[in-house]
Amino acid sequence: MTVFKKSNIITSVHAKVNKLLIFAVIKLNKESEMNEMEEYMFILNIALILISTKIFGLVFKRFHMPQVVGALLAGLILGPALLGILREDDFISQVSSLGVIVLMFSAGLETDLKEFKKTGKASAIIAVLGVIVPLIGGFLLTWFLIPPTSGDSSQLTFLKNMFIGVILTATSVSITVETLKEMGKLNTQAGNAILGAAIIDDILGIVALTIISSFADPEVDMLIVFIKILGFFVFSIGMGFLCYKLFSLYMDRYKKDYRRFVILAFTFCLLMSWMSEVVFGVADITGAYIAGLILSNTSKREYLEMRFNTLSYMLLSPIFFASIGLKVELPEMSATIIIFAVLLAVIAIITKMIGCGLGAKICGFSAKECLQVGAGMVSRGEVALIVADKGLSMGLMDKDLFAPIVIVVVVTTIIAPVILKFVFADKNKKDDGEPVLESPEQMGDDISANIPTA
């Protein structure tokens, strides 16, 4: 009897162990399937971004609006601000960074260097006034509306108010570049002035941020920052001269397979971007634009431009513009903060248009061109978010004010292409709103047909 009971107990234990093993195997299989699904989720995310940005772009094109607005809204709608279907992860963030680098490199390739030199003085004046006016506007609005935080000294309160102004000085020229390329207006006097002013604006923004940061953090050395900025331009001039000569010599001698020029140009673009950001502390997009500018006078410029525009339009640009919308998360806000956010967005638009437009007027631009330049500098984009995030980490901005900055980014990013569409409108020429290099004719069959495939 005892043996029989022991046998039953052993059998019962074996059954339970088997059930546990089966359950564990099933759970492991499910976890493995989930891990595999998550591993390949980036493919689905890319597909969703590409199709949604194109659909929204075509909808906006239908209403004679820039397609880039549709791409921005696609990211906003699919992101955490509304539907929450997509979220920005490391992969999307890195691809979007590559996207804006290629976009600015392409803008550099398309720039007429002679026209760009003509607008050099004007760009400097436009940039200076485009920094000063928003800086004052942001400071005054914050000073009037936002009460000092309890426990803050008068100096820290002043720095916090000034920091909001510093955020408004930022300009995200990538939105403007894509819109002007779409309309075929990038290589105009106003377009060149905007590009030049954006580069100087970036430098002035770094200087302003450094000055404010140095008061809050004694470890920040302004002299080192100025030396790095000066070193960047010296390096760019020297590297530009050397690389232009080497590229021109190689391109003029080798006439078989042009594809190797694309690889070399892309490598040069990435190295310049890395050097500017990591070594000199200047934005990577500035290095990318200067790299494009250096190669803009080479004999194979049109071929390079065609290839990079295809890469940008097909994959990188949609992910970049959608990622801006994916960054947006709107927390709960008090009535005072909502009023501040609305007024800050208005101030952000008006001060940039007045400051940059006034600079253009001083330099002899027509009234229409002044509006064009002002509108081209309105977008804040991801640049303002980066500056605001740095302010939060350094204690130069309260958390409650981050949401208004996000609203400013959304409003200026969406409204800038709309304003550009109107101020650059040519009543005598129909604008179909199609981006560059979309049809076979635009792709330049006459060039590619003569290129060996081997």
Protein backbone atom coordinates (compact mmCIF):
# COMPACT_ATOMS: atom_id res chain seq x y z
CA MET A 1 0.00 0.00 0.00
CA THR A 2 2.79 2.35 0.96
CA VAL A 3 4.61 1.57 -2.28
CA PHE A 4 1.42 2.25 -4.27
CA LYS A 5 0.96 5.64 -2.57
CA LYS A 6 4.58 6.58 -3.20
CA SER A 7 4.13 5.62 -6.86
CA ASN A 8 1.07 7.86 -7.14
CA ILE A 9 2.90 10.74 -5.51
CA ILE A 10 5.87 10.36 -7.86
CA THR A 11 3.52 10.19 -10.87
CA SER A 12 1.71 13.33 -9.68
CA VAL A 13 4.99 15.18 -9.18
CA HIS A 14 6.17 14.13 -12.65
CA ALA A 15 2.92 15.38 -14.18
CA LYS A 16 3.23 18.72 -12.45
CA VAL A 17 6.87 19.05 -13.47
CA ASN A 18 5.95 18.23 -17.09
CA LYS A 19 3.20 20.86 -17.02
CA LEU A 20 5.64 23.43 -15.65
CA LEU A 21 8.18 22.53 -18.31
CA ILE A 22 5.57 22.77 -21.06
CA PHE A 23 4.39 26.13 -19.69
CA ALA A 24 7.99 27.38 -19.50
CA VAL A 25 8.69 26.26 -23.06
CA ILE A 26 5.51 27.96 -24.34
CA LYS A 27 6.38 31.15 -22.44
CA LEU A 28 9.94 31.10 -23.76
CA ASN A 29 8.63 30.61 -27.30
CA LYS A 30 6.24 33.53 -26.89
CA GLU A 31 9.01 35.71 -25.45
CA SER A 32 11.28 34.66 -28.31
CA GLU A 33 8.58 35.56 -30.82
CA MET A 34 8.02 38.91 -29.09
CA ASN A 35 11.75 39.63 -29.05
CA GLU A 36 12.00 38.73 -32.72
CA MET A 37 9.02 40.97 -33.47
CA GLU A 38 10.59 43.86 -31.54
CA GLU A 39 13.92 43.26 -33.26
CA TYR A 40 12.34 43.84 -36.68
CA MET A 41 9.91 46.56 -35.55
CA PHE A 42 12.11 49.25 -37.07
CA ILE A 43 11.19 47.98 -40.56
CA LEU A 44 7.48 48.50 -39.87
CA ASN A 45 8.19 51.90 -38.33
CA ILE A 46 10.06 53.05 -41.44
CA ALA A 47 7.25 51.80 -43.68
CA LEU A 48 4.65 53.69 -41.60
CA ILE A 49 6.71 56.88 -41.65
CA LEU A 50 7.35 56.76 -45.40
CA ILE A 51 3.75 56.06 -46.43
CA SER A 52 2.20 58.48 -43.90
CA THR A 53 4.52 61.37 -44.78
CA LYS A 54 3.83 60.86 -48.48
CA ILE A 55 0.04 60.62 -48.04
CA PHE A 56 -0.08 63.73 -45.85
CA GLY A 57 2.29 65.49 -48.25
CA LEU A 58 0.03 64.76 -51.22
CA VAL A 59 -3.00 65.97 -49.26
CA PHE A 60 -1.29 69.27 -48.55
CA LYS A 61 -0.09 69.51 -52.14
CA ARG A 62 -3.74 69.17 -53.18
CA PHE A 63 -4.43 72.38 -51.26
CA HIS A 64 -1.36 74.08 -52.82
CA MET A 65 0.66 73.88 -49.62
CA PRO A 66 4.27 72.64 -49.15
CA GLN A 67 4.47 68.86 -48.78
CA VAL A 68 6.92 69.21 -45.90
CA VAL A 69 4.04 70.47 -43.71
CA GLY A 70 2.29 67.14 -44.31
CA ALA A 71 5.42 65.23 -43.30
CA LEU A 72 5.68 67.23 -40.08
CA LEU A 73 2.02 66.66 -39.24
CA ALA A 74 2.33 62.94 -39.99
CA GLY A 75 4.93 62.62 -37.23
CA LEU A 76 2.83 64.76 -34.89
CA ILE A 77 -0.32 62.68 -35.45
CA LEU A 78 1.36 59.26 -35.27
CA GLY A 79 3.52 60.27 -32.29
CA PRO A 80 2.85 60.48 -28.54
CA ALA A 81 1.19 63.91 -28.86
CA LEU A 82 -1.92 62.36 -30.49
CA LEU A 83 -2.30 58.68 -31.54
CA GLY A 84 0.85 57.29 -29.91
CA ILE A 85 1.39 54.69 -32.67
CA LEU A 86 5.05 55.60 -33.10
CA ARG A 87 7.71 56.82 -30.70
CA GLU A 88 11.16 58.12 -31.46
CA ASP A 89 13.78 55.49 -30.64
CA ASP A 90 17.55 55.48 -31.06
CA PHE A 91 17.32 54.16 -34.62
CA ILE A 92 14.86 56.83 -35.80
CA SER A 93 16.85 59.52 -33.99
CA GLN A 94 20.11 58.49 -35.67
CA VAL A 95 18.58 58.15 -39.15
CA SER A 96 16.89 61.56 -38.76
CA SER A 97 20.27 63.08 -37.81
CA LEU A 98 21.74 61.58 -40.97
CA GLY A 99 18.73 62.91 -42.89
CA VAL A 100 19.28 66.53 -41.91
CA ILE A 101 23.02 66.20 -42.63
CA VAL A 102 22.33 64.97 -46.19
CA LEU A 103 19.65 67.65 -46.65
CA MET A 104 22.06 70.45 -45.74
CA PHE A 105 24.86 68.88 -47.80
CA SER A 106 22.51 68.87 -50.81
CA ALA A 107 21.65 72.52 -50.12
CA GLY A 108 25.37 73.32 -50.19
CA LEU A 109 25.77 71.50 -53.50
CA GLU A 110 22.91 73.51 -55.03
CA THR A 111 24.25 76.86 -53.83
CA ASP A 112 25.70 79.22 -56.42
CA LEU A 113 29.00 80.19 -54.76
CA LYS A 114 29.22 83.52 -56.62
CA GLU A 115 25.73 84.53 -55.49
CA PHE A 116 26.47 83.27 -52.00
CA LYS A 117 29.55 85.53 -51.78
CA LYS A 118 27.45 88.52 -52.85
CA THR A 119 25.07 87.99 -49.92
CA GLY A 120 27.85 87.48 -47.34
CA LYS A 121 27.64 90.95 -45.77
CA ALA A 122 23.86 90.92 -45.90
CA SER A 123 23.73 87.48 -44.26
CA ALA A 124 25.82 88.73 -41.34
CA ILE A 125 23.58 91.76 -40.72
CA ILE A 126 20.43 89.65 -41.09
CA ALA A 127 21.76 87.07 -38.63
CA VAL A 128 22.79 89.65 -36.01
CA LEU A 129 19.42 91.41 -36.03
CA GLY A 130 17.68 88.03 -36.26
CA VAL A 131 19.33 87.10 -32.95
CA ILE A 132 19.03 90.42 -31.09
CA VAL A 133 15.31 91.09 -31.69
CA PRO A 134 14.02 87.60 -30.66
CA LEU A 135 16.41 87.62 -27.66
CA ILE A 136 14.89 90.87 -26.39
CA GLY A 137 11.34 89.76 -27.21
CA GLY A 138 11.65 86.44 -25.38
CA PHE A 139 13.28 88.08 -22.35
CA LEU A 140 10.63 90.82 -22.01
CA LEU A 141 7.68 88.43 -22.40
CA THR A 142 9.04 86.05 -19.75
CA TRP A 143 9.87 88.95 -17.42
CA PHE A 144 6.32 90.34 -17.65
CA LEU A 145 4.32 87.09 -17.49
CA ILE A 146 6.27 84.48 -15.51
CA PRO A 147 6.74 85.18 -11.78
CA PRO A 148 10.13 84.36 -10.22
CA THR A 149 10.53 80.84 -8.82
CA SER A 150 10.52 80.72 -5.05
CA GLY A 151 14.07 80.61 -3.71
CA ASP A 152 15.74 81.93 -6.89
CA SER A 153 18.10 84.88 -6.60
CA SER A 154 17.52 87.99 -8.73
CA GLN A 155 20.53 87.03 -10.88
CA LEU A 156 19.19 83.50 -11.55
CA THR A 157 15.73 84.92 -12.36
CA PHE A 158 17.35 87.29 -14.86
CA LEU A 159 19.33 84.42 -16.43
CA LYS A 160 16.19 82.25 -16.71
CA ASN A 161 14.28 85.06 -18.42
CA MET A 162 17.21 85.69 -20.74
CA PHE A 163 17.51 82.00 -21.54
CA ILE A 164 13.98 81.98 -23.04
CA GLY A 165 15.22 84.72 -25.34
CA VAL A 166 18.25 82.61 -26.24
CA ILE A 167 15.94 79.74 -27.22
CA LEU A 168 14.03 82.07 -29.57
CA THR A 169 17.27 83.04 -31.35
CA ALA A 170 17.61 79.47 -32.70
CA THR A 171 16.81 78.81 -36.36
CA SER A 172 16.17 75.42 -37.98
CA VAL A 173 16.99 76.16 -41.60
CA SER A 174 16.42 72.54 -42.68
CA ILE A 175 12.64 73.12 -42.91
CA THR A 176 13.23 76.21 -45.04
CA VAL A 177 15.72 74.38 -47.28
CA GLU A 178 13.26 71.56 -48.02
CA THR A 179 10.44 74.04 -48.75
CA LEU A 180 12.58 76.20 -51.06
CA LYS A 181 13.90 73.12 -52.87
CA GLU A 182 10.34 71.96 -53.38
CA MET A 183 9.43 75.33 -54.90
CA GLY A 184 12.68 75.67 -56.87
CA LYS A 185 13.59 78.88 -55.00
CA LEU A 186 16.66 77.77 -53.07
CA ASN A 187 19.20 79.39 -55.37
CA THR A 188 17.71 82.90 -55.29
CA GLN A 189 19.13 86.03 -53.67
CA ALA A 190 16.79 85.62 -50.70
CA GLY A 191 17.52 81.87 -50.53
CA ASN A 192 21.29 82.43 -50.44
CA ALA A 193 20.88 85.17 -47.82
CA ILE A 194 18.82 82.79 -45.65
CA LEU A 195 21.43 80.02 -45.89
CA GLY A 196 24.30 82.37 -45.07
CA ALA A 197 22.38 83.99 -42.21
CA ALA A 198 21.46 80.55 -40.80
CA ILE A 199 25.14 79.57 -40.53
CA ILE A 200 26.03 82.82 -38.76
CA ASP A 201 22.86 82.52 -36.63
CA ASP A 202 24.10 79.11 -35.47
CA ILE A 203 27.42 80.60 -34.41
CA LEU A 204 25.78 83.54 -32.63
CA GLY A 205 23.39 81.13 -30.90
CA ILE A 206 26.35 79.14 -29.56
CA VAL A 207 27.98 82.35 -28.33
CA ALA A 208 24.76 83.53 -26.60
CA LEU A 209 24.23 80.11 -25.01
CA THR A 210 27.85 80.03 -23.85
CA ILE A 211 27.63 83.50 -22.28
CA ILE A 212 24.44 82.62 -20.36
CA SER A 213 25.80 79.20 -19.37
CA SER A 214 29.06 80.68 -18.10
CA PHE A 215 27.17 82.65 -15.44
CA ALA A 216 25.34 79.52 -14.27
CA ASP A 217 28.28 77.11 -14.62
CA PRO A 218 31.79 78.40 -13.79
CA GLU A 219 33.35 75.45 -15.67
CA VAL A 220 32.21 76.89 -19.04
CA ASP A 221 35.15 78.78 -20.57
CA MET A 222 34.04 81.41 -23.11
CA LEU A 223 37.56 81.88 -24.44
CA ILE A 224 37.84 78.19 -25.35
CA VAL A 225 34.48 78.36 -27.15
CA PHE A 226 35.53 81.42 -29.19
CA ILE A 227 38.86 79.80 -30.09
CA LYS A 228 37.03 76.65 -31.27
CA ILE A 229 34.63 78.68 -33.44
CA LEU A 230 37.52 80.62 -34.99
CA GLY A 231 39.40 77.36 -35.48
CA PHE A 232 36.43 75.85 -37.28
CA PHE A 233 36.37 78.59 -39.91
CA VAL A 234 40.15 78.48 -40.36
CA PHE A 235 39.92 74.69 -40.72
CA SER A 236 37.00 74.98 -43.19
CA ILE A 237 38.88 77.46 -45.40
CA GLY A 238 42.05 75.35 -45.43
CA MET A 239 40.23 72.05 -45.88
CA GLY A 240 37.94 73.61 -48.48
CA PHE A 241 40.82 74.79 -50.64
CA LEU A 242 42.71 71.48 -50.36
CA CYS A 243 39.70 69.20 -50.93
CA TYR A 244 38.37 71.29 -53.80
CA LYS A 245 41.70 70.96 -55.62
CA LEU A 246 41.93 67.21 -54.96
CA PHE A 247 38.31 66.51 -55.95
CA SER A 248 38.56 68.64 -59.09
CA LEU A 249 41.80 66.95 -60.16
CA TYR A 250 40.36 63.46 -59.65
CA MET A 251 36.95 64.21 -61.21
CA ASP A 252 38.43 65.85 -64.31
CA ARG A 253 40.81 62.95 -64.96
CA TYR A 254 38.48 60.03 -64.28
CA LYS A 255 35.50 59.80 -66.66
CA LYS A 256 34.32 56.18 -66.46
CA ASP A 257 32.26 55.39 -63.37
CA TYR A 258 30.90 58.44 -61.54
CA ARG A 259 29.50 56.41 -58.64
CA ARG A 260 32.79 56.47 -56.75
CA PHE A 261 32.50 60.27 -56.60
CA VAL A 262 29.26 59.87 -54.63
CA ILE A 263 30.99 57.67 -52.04
CA LEU A 264 33.90 60.08 -51.71
CA ALA A 265 31.58 63.09 -51.46
CA PHE A 266 29.42 61.38 -48.81
CA THR A 267 32.50 60.45 -46.79
CA PHE A 268 33.73 64.03 -46.99
CA CYS A 269 30.29 65.28 -45.87
CA LEU A 270 30.20 62.96 -42.85
CA LEU A 271 33.77 63.79 -41.81
CA MET A 272 33.09 67.53 -41.99
CA SER A 273 29.90 67.06 -39.95
CA TRP A 274 31.72 65.02 -37.32
CA MET A 275 34.62 67.47 -37.10
CA SER A 276 32.36 70.51 -36.73
CA GLU A 277 30.21 68.93 -34.00
CA VAL A 278 32.75 66.94 -31.97
CA VAL A 279 36.01 68.85 -32.41
CA PHE A 280 34.85 72.47 -32.78
CA GLY A 281 31.46 72.43 -31.04
CA VAL A 282 29.64 73.84 -34.08
CA ALA A 283 26.43 72.19 -35.34
CA ASP A 284 27.00 69.15 -37.58
CA ILE A 285 24.64 70.57 -40.23
CA THR A 286 26.95 73.59 -40.59
CA GLY A 287 29.83 71.28 -41.42
CA ALA A 288 27.62 69.37 -43.88
CA TYR A 289 26.53 72.57 -45.63
CA ILE A 290 30.11 73.83 -45.95
CA ALA A 291 31.14 70.41 -47.36
CA GLY A 292 28.44 70.79 -50.03
CA LEU A 293 29.52 74.36 -50.67
CA ILE A 294 33.12 73.21 -51.25
CA LEU A 295 32.00 70.66 -53.86
CA SER A 296 29.44 72.97 -55.50
CA ASN A 297 31.99 74.26 -58.04
CA THR A 298 33.32 70.86 -59.13
CA SER A 299 32.62 69.49 -62.59
CA LYS A 300 30.38 66.64 -61.31
CA ARG A 301 28.20 68.85 -59.08
CA GLU A 302 24.99 68.11 -61.00
CA TYR A 303 25.55 64.36 -60.84
CA LEU A 304 26.26 64.49 -57.08
CA GLU A 305 23.25 66.71 -56.51
CA MET A 306 21.00 64.31 -58.38
CA ARG A 307 22.15 61.26 -56.40
CA PHE A 308 21.94 62.89 -52.98
CA ASN A 309 18.54 64.40 -53.68
CA THR A 310 17.27 60.92 -54.54
CA LEU A 311 18.63 59.45 -51.30
CA SER A 312 17.20 62.32 -49.27
CA TYR A 313 13.75 62.30 -50.89
CA MET A 314 13.36 58.51 -50.85
CA LEU A 315 14.31 57.77 -47.23
CA LEU A 316 16.19 60.23 -45.07
CA SER A 317 14.15 63.45 -45.30
CA PRO A 318 10.74 61.84 -44.51
CA ILE A 319 12.20 60.21 -41.40
CA PHE A 320 13.83 63.47 -40.30
CA PHE A 321 10.68 65.58 -40.67
CA ALA A 322 8.46 62.94 -39.08
CA SER A 323 10.90 62.64 -36.16
CA ILE A 324 10.30 66.30 -35.27
CA GLY A 325 6.63 65.50 -34.72
CA LEU A 326 7.51 62.31 -32.82
CA LYS A 327 9.50 64.35 -30.29
CA VAL A 328 6.45 66.33 -29.23
CA GLU A 329 4.78 65.47 -25.93
CA LEU A 330 2.36 67.95 -24.41
CA PRO A 331 1.90 67.75 -20.62
CA GLU A 332 -0.88 69.44 -18.64
CA MET A 333 -0.51 73.24 -18.44
CA SER A 334 -2.01 75.94 -16.23
CA ALA A 335 -3.94 78.89 -17.70
CA THR A 336 -0.95 81.20 -17.23
CA ILE A 337 1.39 78.78 -19.02
CA ILE A 338 -1.10 78.35 -21.90
CA ILE A 339 -1.34 82.14 -22.35
CA PHE A 340 2.44 82.37 -22.16
CA ALA A 341 2.80 79.59 -24.78
CA VAL A 342 0.45 81.33 -27.23
CA LEU A 343 2.15 84.72 -26.81
CA LEU A 344 5.60 83.13 -27.00
CA ALA A 345 4.71 81.50 -30.34
CA VAL A 346 3.48 84.87 -31.67
CA ILE A 347 6.61 86.64 -30.41
CA ALA A 348 8.81 83.91 -31.92
CA ILE A 349 7.32 84.47 -35.38
CA ILE A 350 7.08 88.27 -35.30
CA THR A 351 10.55 88.95 -33.84
CA LYS A 352 12.35 86.74 -36.37
CA MET A 353 10.47 88.28 -39.29
CA ILE A 354 11.06 91.84 -38.01
CA GLY A 355 14.71 91.28 -37.07
CA CYS A 356 15.75 89.41 -40.22
CA GLY A 357 13.50 91.48 -42.47
CA LEU A 358 14.96 94.70 -41.07
CA GLY A 359 18.47 93.38 -41.67
CA ALA A 360 17.56 92.59 -45.27
CA LYS A 361 16.04 96.06 -45.73
CA ILE A 362 19.22 97.71 -44.44
CA CYS A 363 21.15 95.73 -47.08
CA GLY A 364 18.95 97.00 -49.92
CA PHE A 365 16.62 94.02 -50.42
CA SER A 366 13.16 94.70 -51.83
CA ALA A 367 10.10 94.59 -49.57
CA LYS A 368 9.14 91.17 -50.95
CA GLU A 369 12.65 89.80 -50.42
CA CYS A 370 12.64 91.14 -46.84
CA LEU A 371 9.47 89.12 -46.17
CA GLN A 372 11.05 86.08 -47.81
CA VAL A 373 14.19 86.31 -45.67
CA GLY A 374 12.17 86.88 -42.51
CA ALA A 375 9.88 83.92 -43.24
CA GLY A 376 12.86 81.70 -44.01
CA MET A 377 14.31 82.24 -40.52
CA VAL A 378 11.07 81.64 -38.57
CA SER A 379 11.27 77.86 -38.03
CA ARG A 380 12.86 76.75 -34.75
CA GLY A 381 12.54 72.99 -35.25
CA GLU A 382 14.72 70.57 -33.33
CA VAL A 383 17.33 73.27 -32.59
CA ALA A 384 15.10 75.00 -30.00
CA LEU A 385 14.35 71.65 -28.32
CA ILE A 386 18.06 70.87 -28.01
CA VAL A 387 18.80 74.30 -26.49
CA ALA A 388 15.81 74.02 -24.11
CA ASP A 389 16.90 70.55 -22.99
CA LYS A 390 20.37 71.91 -22.22
CA GLY A 391 18.78 74.73 -20.22
CA LEU A 392 16.79 72.25 -18.16
CA SER A 393 19.88 70.23 -17.32
CA MET A 394 21.76 73.37 -16.23
CA GLY A 395 18.89 74.78 -14.16
CA LEU A 396 18.41 77.75 -16.48
CA MET A 397 14.81 76.87 -17.29
CA ASP A 398 11.91 75.60 -15.17
CA LYS A 399 10.18 72.36 -16.21
CA ASP A 400 6.81 74.16 -16.50
CA LEU A 401 8.19 76.25 -19.38
CA PHE A 402 9.30 73.29 -21.50
CA ALA A 403 5.76 72.71 -22.82
CA PRO A 404 5.48 76.29 -24.21
CA ILE A 405 8.81 75.76 -26.00
CA VAL A 406 7.42 72.58 -27.57
CA ILE A 407 4.35 74.53 -28.73
CA VAL A 408 6.60 77.22 -30.23
CA VAL A 409 8.56 74.51 -32.09
CA VAL A 410 5.36 72.93 -33.45
CA VAL A 411 3.77 76.24 -34.49
CA THR A 412 6.85 77.78 -36.10
CA THR A 413 7.83 74.55 -37.82
CA ILE A 414 4.40 74.15 -39.39
CA ILE A 415 3.70 77.80 -40.17
CA ALA A 416 7.14 78.64 -41.67
CA PRO A 417 6.64 76.58 -44.89
CA VAL A 418 3.11 78.02 -45.22
CA ILE A 419 4.40 81.61 -45.00
CA LEU A 420 7.24 80.78 -47.40
CA LYS A 421 4.73 79.42 -49.91
CA PHE A 422 2.90 82.75 -49.97
CA VAL A 423 5.88 85.12 -49.91
CA PHE A 424 7.74 83.20 -52.65
CA ALA A 425 4.62 82.72 -54.79
CA ASP A 426 5.08 83.69 -58.44
CA LYS A 427 1.74 84.73 -59.88
CA ASN A 428 3.00 84.36 -63.45
CA LYS A 429 4.26 80.80 -62.97
CA LYS A 430 2.28 77.78 -61.88
CA ASP A 431 3.92 75.93 -59.02
CA ASP A 432 3.01 72.25 -58.91
CA GLY A 433 4.76 71.78 -55.57
CA GLU A 434 6.65 68.67 -56.68
CA PRO A 435 10.07 68.13 -55.16
CA VAL A 436 13.22 67.97 -57.23
CA LEU A 437 14.14 64.79 -59.12
CA GLU A 438 10.82 62.95 -58.95
CA SER A 439 10.19 62.18 -62.62
CA PRO A 440 12.51 60.26 -64.99
CA GLU A 441 13.06 63.47 -66.95
CA GLN A 442 14.16 65.25 -63.77
CA MET A 443 16.44 62.36 -62.87
CA GLY A 444 18.66 63.28 -65.78
CA ASP A 445 18.62 60.21 -68.03
CA ASP A 446 21.11 61.91 -70.33
CA ILE A 447 23.70 61.81 -67.52
CA SER A 448 23.05 58.35 -66.11
CA ALA A 449 22.71 56.72 -69.49
CA ASN A 450 26.41 57.27 -70.16
CA ILE A 451 27.57 55.83 -66.85
CA PRO A 452 28.87 52.25 -66.94
CA THR A 453 27.09 49.84 -64.60
CA ALA A 454 30.15 47.75 -63.97
